[in-house]
C-alpha atoms as a PDB file:
ATOM      1  CA  MET A   1     102.483  90.858  95.539  1.00  0.00           C
ATOM      2  CA  LYS A   2     102.323  93.651  92.944  1.00  0.00           C
ATOM      3  CA  ILE A   3      99.247  95.881  92.886  1.00  0.00           C
ATOM      4  CA  ASN A   4      97.824  98.384  90.427  1.00  0.00           C
ATOM      5  CA  THR A   5      95.305 100.071  92.708  1.00  0.00           C
ATOM      6  CA  ASP A   6      95.289 102.808  95.311  1.00  0.00           C
ATOM      7  CA  PRO A   7      97.762 102.337  98.151  1.00  0.00           C
ATOM      8  CA  ILE A   8      96.580 100.445 101.241  1.00  0.00           C
ATOM      9  CA  PHE A   9      97.402 101.422 104.822  1.00  0.00           C
ATOM     10  CA  SER A  10      95.208  99.623 107.333  1.00  0.00           C
ATOM     11  CA  TYR A  11      95.188  97.701 110.587  1.00  0.00           C
ATOM     12  CA  THR A  12      92.657  95.184 111.878  1.00  0.00           C
ATOM     13  CA  PRO A  13      92.431  92.329 114.344  1.00  0.00           C
ATOM     14  CA  ILE A  14      94.361  89.330 113.034  1.00  0.00           C
ATOM     15  CA  PRO A  15      92.181  87.276 110.648  1.00  0.00           C
ATOM     16  CA  GLU A  16      91.566  83.654 111.673  1.00  0.00           C
ATOM     17  CA  GLU A  17      93.406  82.229 108.639  1.00  0.00           C
ATOM     18  CA  VAL A  18      96.500  84.268 109.564  1.00  0.00           C
ATOM     19  CA  LYS A  19      96.292  83.126 113.203  1.00  0.00           C
ATOM     20  CA  GLU A  20      96.256  79.503 112.026  1.00  0.00           C
ATOM     21  CA  LYS A  21      99.397  80.073 109.942  1.00  0.00           C
ATOM     22  CA  MET A  22     101.170  81.780 112.849  1.00  0.00           C
ATOM     23  CA  LEU A  23     100.461  79.198 115.561  1.00  0.00           C
ATOM     24  CA  GLY A  24     103.500  77.097 116.272  1.00  0.00           C
ATOM     25  CA  PHE A  25     105.715  79.216 114.005  1.00  0.00           C
ATOM     26  CA  SER A  26     105.891  82.985 114.493  1.00  0.00           C
ATOM     27  CA  MET A  27     103.479  82.637 117.431  1.00  0.00           C
ATOM     28  CA  PRO A  28     104.720  79.822 119.669  1.00  0.00           C
ATOM     29  CA  GLU A  29     101.864  78.128 121.489  1.00  0.00           C
ATOM     30  CA  ASN A  30     103.544  78.311 124.895  1.00  0.00           C
ATOM     31  CA  ILE A  31     104.251  82.050 125.202  1.00  0.00           C
ATOM     32  CA  PRO A  32     102.159  84.374 127.370  1.00  0.00           C
ATOM     33  CA  LEU A  33     100.969  86.595 124.508  1.00  0.00           C
ATOM     34  CA  SER A  34      97.439  86.857 123.215  1.00  0.00           C
ATOM     35  CA  PHE A  35      96.327  87.520 119.654  1.00  0.00           C
ATOM     36  CA  ASP A  36      94.086  90.166 121.240  1.00  0.00           C
ATOM     37  CA  GLU A  37      97.235  92.206 121.971  1.00  0.00           C
ATOM     38  CA  LEU A  38      98.234  92.277 118.298  1.00  0.00           C
ATOM     39  CA  SER A  39      97.090  93.942 115.078  1.00  0.00           C
ATOM     40  CA  TYR A  40      97.361  92.860 111.450  1.00  0.00           C
ATOM     41  CA  LEU A  41      98.680  95.590 109.166  1.00  0.00           C
ATOM     42  CA  THR A  42      98.331  95.753 105.390  1.00  0.00           C
ATOM     43  CA  LEU A  43     100.778  98.232 103.908  1.00  0.00           C
ATOM     44  CA  SER A  44     101.721  99.462 100.459  1.00  0.00           C
ATOM     45  CA  TYR A  45     105.397  99.994  99.720  1.00  0.00           C
ATOM     46  CA  TYR A  46     107.749 100.528  96.807  1.00  0.00           C
ATOM     47  CA  GLY A  47     109.906  97.522  96.029  1.00  0.00           C
ATOM     48  CA  PHE A  48     113.456  97.612  94.719  1.00  0.00           C
ATOM     49  CA  ASP A  49     111.903  97.052  91.296  1.00  0.00           C
ATOM     50  CA  GLY A  50     110.229 100.498  91.542  1.00  0.00           C
ATOM     51  CA  ASN A  51     106.729  98.998  91.637  1.00  0.00           C
ATOM     52  CA  THR A  52     104.116  99.265  94.353  1.00  0.00           C
ATOM     53  CA  HIS A  53     103.575  96.117  96.404  1.00  0.00           C
ATOM     54  CA  VAL A  54     101.454  95.181  99.424  1.00  0.00           C
ATOM     55  CA  GLY A  55     102.937  93.615 102.524  1.00  0.00           C
ATOM     56  CA  GLU A  56     101.645  92.363 105.848  1.00  0.00           C
ATOM     57  CA  MET A  57     102.943  92.969 109.337  1.00  0.00           C
ATOM     58  CA  ILE A  58     101.915  91.979 112.853  1.00  0.00           C
ATOM     59  CA  VAL A  59     102.543  94.520 115.627  1.00  0.00           C
ATOM     60  CA  ASN A  60     101.381  95.283 119.140  1.00  0.00           C
ATOM     61  CA  LYS A  61      97.952  96.867 118.757  1.00  0.00           C
ATOM     62  CA  GLU A  62      98.985  99.870 120.858  1.00  0.00           C
ATOM     63  CA  VAL A  63     101.429 100.988 118.139  1.00  0.00           C
ATOM     64  CA  ALA A  64      99.456  99.862 115.071  1.00  0.00           C
ATOM     65  CA  ALA A  65      98.151 103.315 114.108  1.00  0.00           C
ATOM     66  CA  ASP A  66     101.618 104.864 114.484  1.00  0.00           C
ATOM     67  CA  VAL A  67     103.266 102.171 112.359  1.00  0.00           C
ATOM     68  CA  VAL A  68     100.635 102.612 109.639  1.00  0.00           C
ATOM     69  CA  ASP A  69     101.190 106.385 109.692  1.00  0.00           C
ATOM     70  CA  ILE A  70     104.962 105.927 109.393  1.00  0.00           C
ATOM     71  CA  PHE A  71     104.655 103.579 106.409  1.00  0.00           C
ATOM     72  CA  LYS A  72     102.179 105.924 104.735  1.00  0.00           C
ATOM     73  CA  GLU A  73     104.541 108.871 105.186  1.00  0.00           C
ATOM     74  CA  ILE A  74     107.482 106.897 103.764  1.00  0.00           C
ATOM     75  CA  TYR A  75     105.345 105.780 100.807  1.00  0.00           C
ATOM     76  CA  GLU A  76     104.216 109.333 100.075  1.00  0.00           C
ATOM     77  CA  LYS A  77     107.780 110.680 100.269  1.00  0.00           C
ATOM     78  CA  ASN A  78     108.941 107.966  97.851  1.00  0.00           C
ATOM     79  CA  ILE A  79     106.282 109.047  95.330  1.00  0.00           C
ATOM     80  CA  LEU A  80     108.105 112.369  95.115  1.00  0.00           C
ATOM     81  CA  LEU A  81     111.461 110.665  94.574  1.00  0.00           C
ATOM     82  CA  ILE A  82     110.172 108.295  91.898  1.00  0.00           C
ATOM     83  CA  LYS A  83     108.385 110.958  89.838  1.00  0.00           C
END
């Protein structure tokens, strides 16, 4: 999805509508993992087309802040390369 706004770098608990999409697919119903152990990330990135896009990622909540920081740093370094 292309965006024309400020970059987004956030993490939250997984929204209910995302949980519903995950169940039985990327989140098998019979594994011993709880949604409470995970975080939903929303991240801006530069696509191969040179435009800013927003993506989603699910990670263990203990590393969510670090992953967001890494993506933000990569995004900011790419701004310098693109300009």
